[in-house]
Amino acid sequence: MDTADDAPEVSFEQALAALDDVLVRLEDGDVGLEEAIALFEKGQAHLAACRARLEVARTRIEELTHDTEADQDEPF
């Protein structure tokens, strides 16, 4: 079984689209219990990927904002 470390990197958009696909299938209600559980697990993995990408983006924006603020504090 693949772990998160073995899984290839996916973009935020790819993970979000995959999560949406899982949600649609679960909401349709046309899956059995075992398949629903498997889909739920996949959904959790896609959600974790989305959160990880958002955290990276947030950190990068904070760094860029901090760098910009530090540059503005320095006298010419």
C-alpha atoms as a PDB file:
ATOM      1  CA  MET A   1       0.000   0.000   0.000  1.00  0.00           C
ATOM      2  CA  ASP A   2       1.312   3.477  -0.853  1.00  0.00           C
ATOM      3  CA  THR A   3       2.045   5.838   1.968  1.00  0.00           C
ATOM      4  CA  ALA A   4       1.911   9.592   1.707  1.00  0.00           C
ATOM      5  CA  ASP A   5       5.714   9.602   1.326  1.00  0.00           C
ATOM      6  CA  ASP A   6       5.533   7.204  -1.633  1.00  0.00           C
ATOM      7  CA  ALA A   7       2.733   9.078  -3.417  1.00  0.00           C
ATOM      8  CA  PRO A   8       3.703  11.368  -6.265  1.00  0.00           C
ATOM      9  CA  GLU A   9       3.303  15.091  -5.684  1.00  0.00           C
ATOM     10  CA  VAL A  10       0.057  16.486  -7.022  1.00  0.00           C
ATOM     11  CA  SER A  11      -0.940  20.092  -7.443  1.00  0.00           C
ATOM     12  CA  PHE A  12      -3.525  21.727  -5.232  1.00  0.00           C
ATOM     13  CA  GLU A  13      -5.921  21.835  -8.170  1.00  0.00           C
ATOM     14  CA  GLN A  14      -5.452  18.121  -8.903  1.00  0.00           C
ATOM     15  CA  ALA A  15      -6.013  17.148  -5.275  1.00  0.00           C
ATOM     16  CA  LEU A  16      -9.072  19.392  -5.020  1.00  0.00           C
ATOM     17  CA  ALA A  17     -10.580  17.939  -8.210  1.00  0.00           C
ATOM     18  CA  ALA A  18      -9.957  14.401  -6.959  1.00  0.00           C
ATOM     19  CA  LEU A  19     -11.553  15.279  -3.620  1.00  0.00           C
ATOM     20  CA  ASP A  20     -14.562  16.697  -5.454  1.00  0.00           C
ATOM     21  CA  ASP A  21     -14.880  13.474  -7.472  1.00  0.00           C
ATOM     22  CA  VAL A  22     -14.851  11.431  -4.268  1.00  0.00           C
ATOM     23  CA  LEU A  23     -17.509  13.655  -2.707  1.00  0.00           C
ATOM     24  CA  VAL A  24     -19.767  13.355  -5.753  1.00  0.00           C
ATOM     25  CA  ARG A  25     -19.516   9.558  -5.682  1.00  0.00           C
ATOM     26  CA  LEU A  26     -20.228   9.420  -1.957  1.00  0.00           C
ATOM     27  CA  GLU A  27     -23.132  11.848  -2.198  1.00  0.00           C
ATOM     28  CA  ASP A  28     -24.696   9.834  -5.025  1.00  0.00           C
ATOM     29  CA  GLY A  29     -25.115   6.987  -2.558  1.00  0.00           C
ATOM     30  CA  ASP A  30     -24.649   4.332  -5.240  1.00  0.00           C
ATOM     31  CA  VAL A  31     -21.629   2.716  -3.595  1.00  0.00           C
ATOM     32  CA  GLY A  32     -21.517  -0.125  -1.121  1.00  0.00           C
ATOM     33  CA  LEU A  33     -20.166   0.172   2.383  1.00  0.00           C
ATOM     34  CA  GLU A  34     -16.672  -1.119   1.619  1.00  0.00           C
ATOM     35  CA  GLU A  35     -16.329   1.122  -1.424  1.00  0.00           C
ATOM     36  CA  ALA A  36     -17.633   4.078   0.589  1.00  0.00           C
ATOM     37  CA  ILE A  37     -14.986   3.470   3.241  1.00  0.00           C
ATOM     38  CA  ALA A  38     -12.273   3.225   0.580  1.00  0.00           C
ATOM     39  CA  LEU A  39     -13.521   6.438  -1.024  1.00  0.00           C
ATOM     40  CA  PHE A  40     -13.558   8.141   2.358  1.00  0.00           C
ATOM     41  CA  GLU A  41      -9.919   7.144   2.902  1.00  0.00           C
ATOM     42  CA  LYS A  42      -8.990   8.517  -0.530  1.00  0.00           C
ATOM     43  CA  GLY A  43     -10.877  11.699   0.257  1.00  0.00           C
ATOM     44  CA  GLN A  44      -8.935  12.101   3.487  1.00  0.00           C
ATOM     45  CA  ALA A  45      -5.668  11.727   1.564  1.00  0.00           C
ATOM     46  CA  HIS A  46      -6.742  14.316  -1.019  1.00  0.00           C
ATOM     47  CA  LEU A  47      -7.812  16.675   1.762  1.00  0.00           C
ATOM     48  CA  ALA A  48      -4.429  16.280   3.457  1.00  0.00           C
ATOM     49  CA  ALA A  49      -2.697  17.057   0.150  1.00  0.00           C
ATOM     50  CA  CYS A  50      -4.809  20.214  -0.262  1.00  0.00           C
ATOM     51  CA  ARG A  51      -4.031  21.348   3.266  1.00  0.00           C
ATOM     52  CA  ALA A  52      -0.307  20.709   2.760  1.00  0.00           C
ATOM     53  CA  ARG A  53      -0.247  22.762  -0.463  1.00  0.00           C
ATOM     54  CA  LEU A  54      -2.168  25.580   1.232  1.00  0.00           C
ATOM     55  CA  GLU A  55       0.263  25.570   4.155  1.00  0.00           C
ATOM     56  CA  VAL A  56       3.222  25.831   1.772  1.00  0.00           C
ATOM     57  CA  ALA A  57       1.503  28.718  -0.026  1.00  0.00           C
ATOM     58  CA  ARG A  58       0.686  30.476   3.256  1.00  0.00           C
ATOM     59  CA  THR A  59       4.263  30.162   4.482  1.00  0.00           C
ATOM     60  CA  ARG A  60       5.633  31.471   1.206  1.00  0.00           C
ATOM     61  CA  ILE A  61       3.277  34.458   1.228  1.00  0.00           C
ATOM     62  CA  GLU A  62       4.247  35.234   4.832  1.00  0.00           C
ATOM     63  CA  GLU A  63       7.932  35.094   3.891  1.00  0.00           C
ATOM     64  CA  LEU A  64       7.406  37.346   0.890  1.00  0.00           C
ATOM     65  CA  THR A  65       5.322  39.779   2.906  1.00  0.00           C
ATOM     66  CA  HIS A  66       7.883  39.829   5.685  1.00  0.00           C
ATOM     67  CA  ASP A  67      10.702  40.458   3.190  1.00  0.00           C
ATOM     68  CA  THR A  68       8.735  43.315   1.633  1.00  0.00           C
ATOM     69  CA  GLU A  69       7.980  44.834   5.050  1.00  0.00           C
ATOM     70  CA  ALA A  70      11.644  44.548   6.073  1.00  0.00           C
ATOM     71  CA  ASP A  71      12.724  46.292   2.871  1.00  0.00           C
ATOM     72  CA  GLN A  72      10.306  49.155   3.565  1.00  0.00           C
ATOM     73  CA  ASP A  73      11.666  49.613   7.125  1.00  0.00           C
ATOM     74  CA  GLU A  74      15.209  50.224   5.878  1.00  0.00           C
ATOM     75  CA  PRO A  75      16.100  53.863   5.152  1.00  0.00           C
ATOM     76  CA  PHE A  76      17.303  54.770   1.692  1.00  0.00           C
END
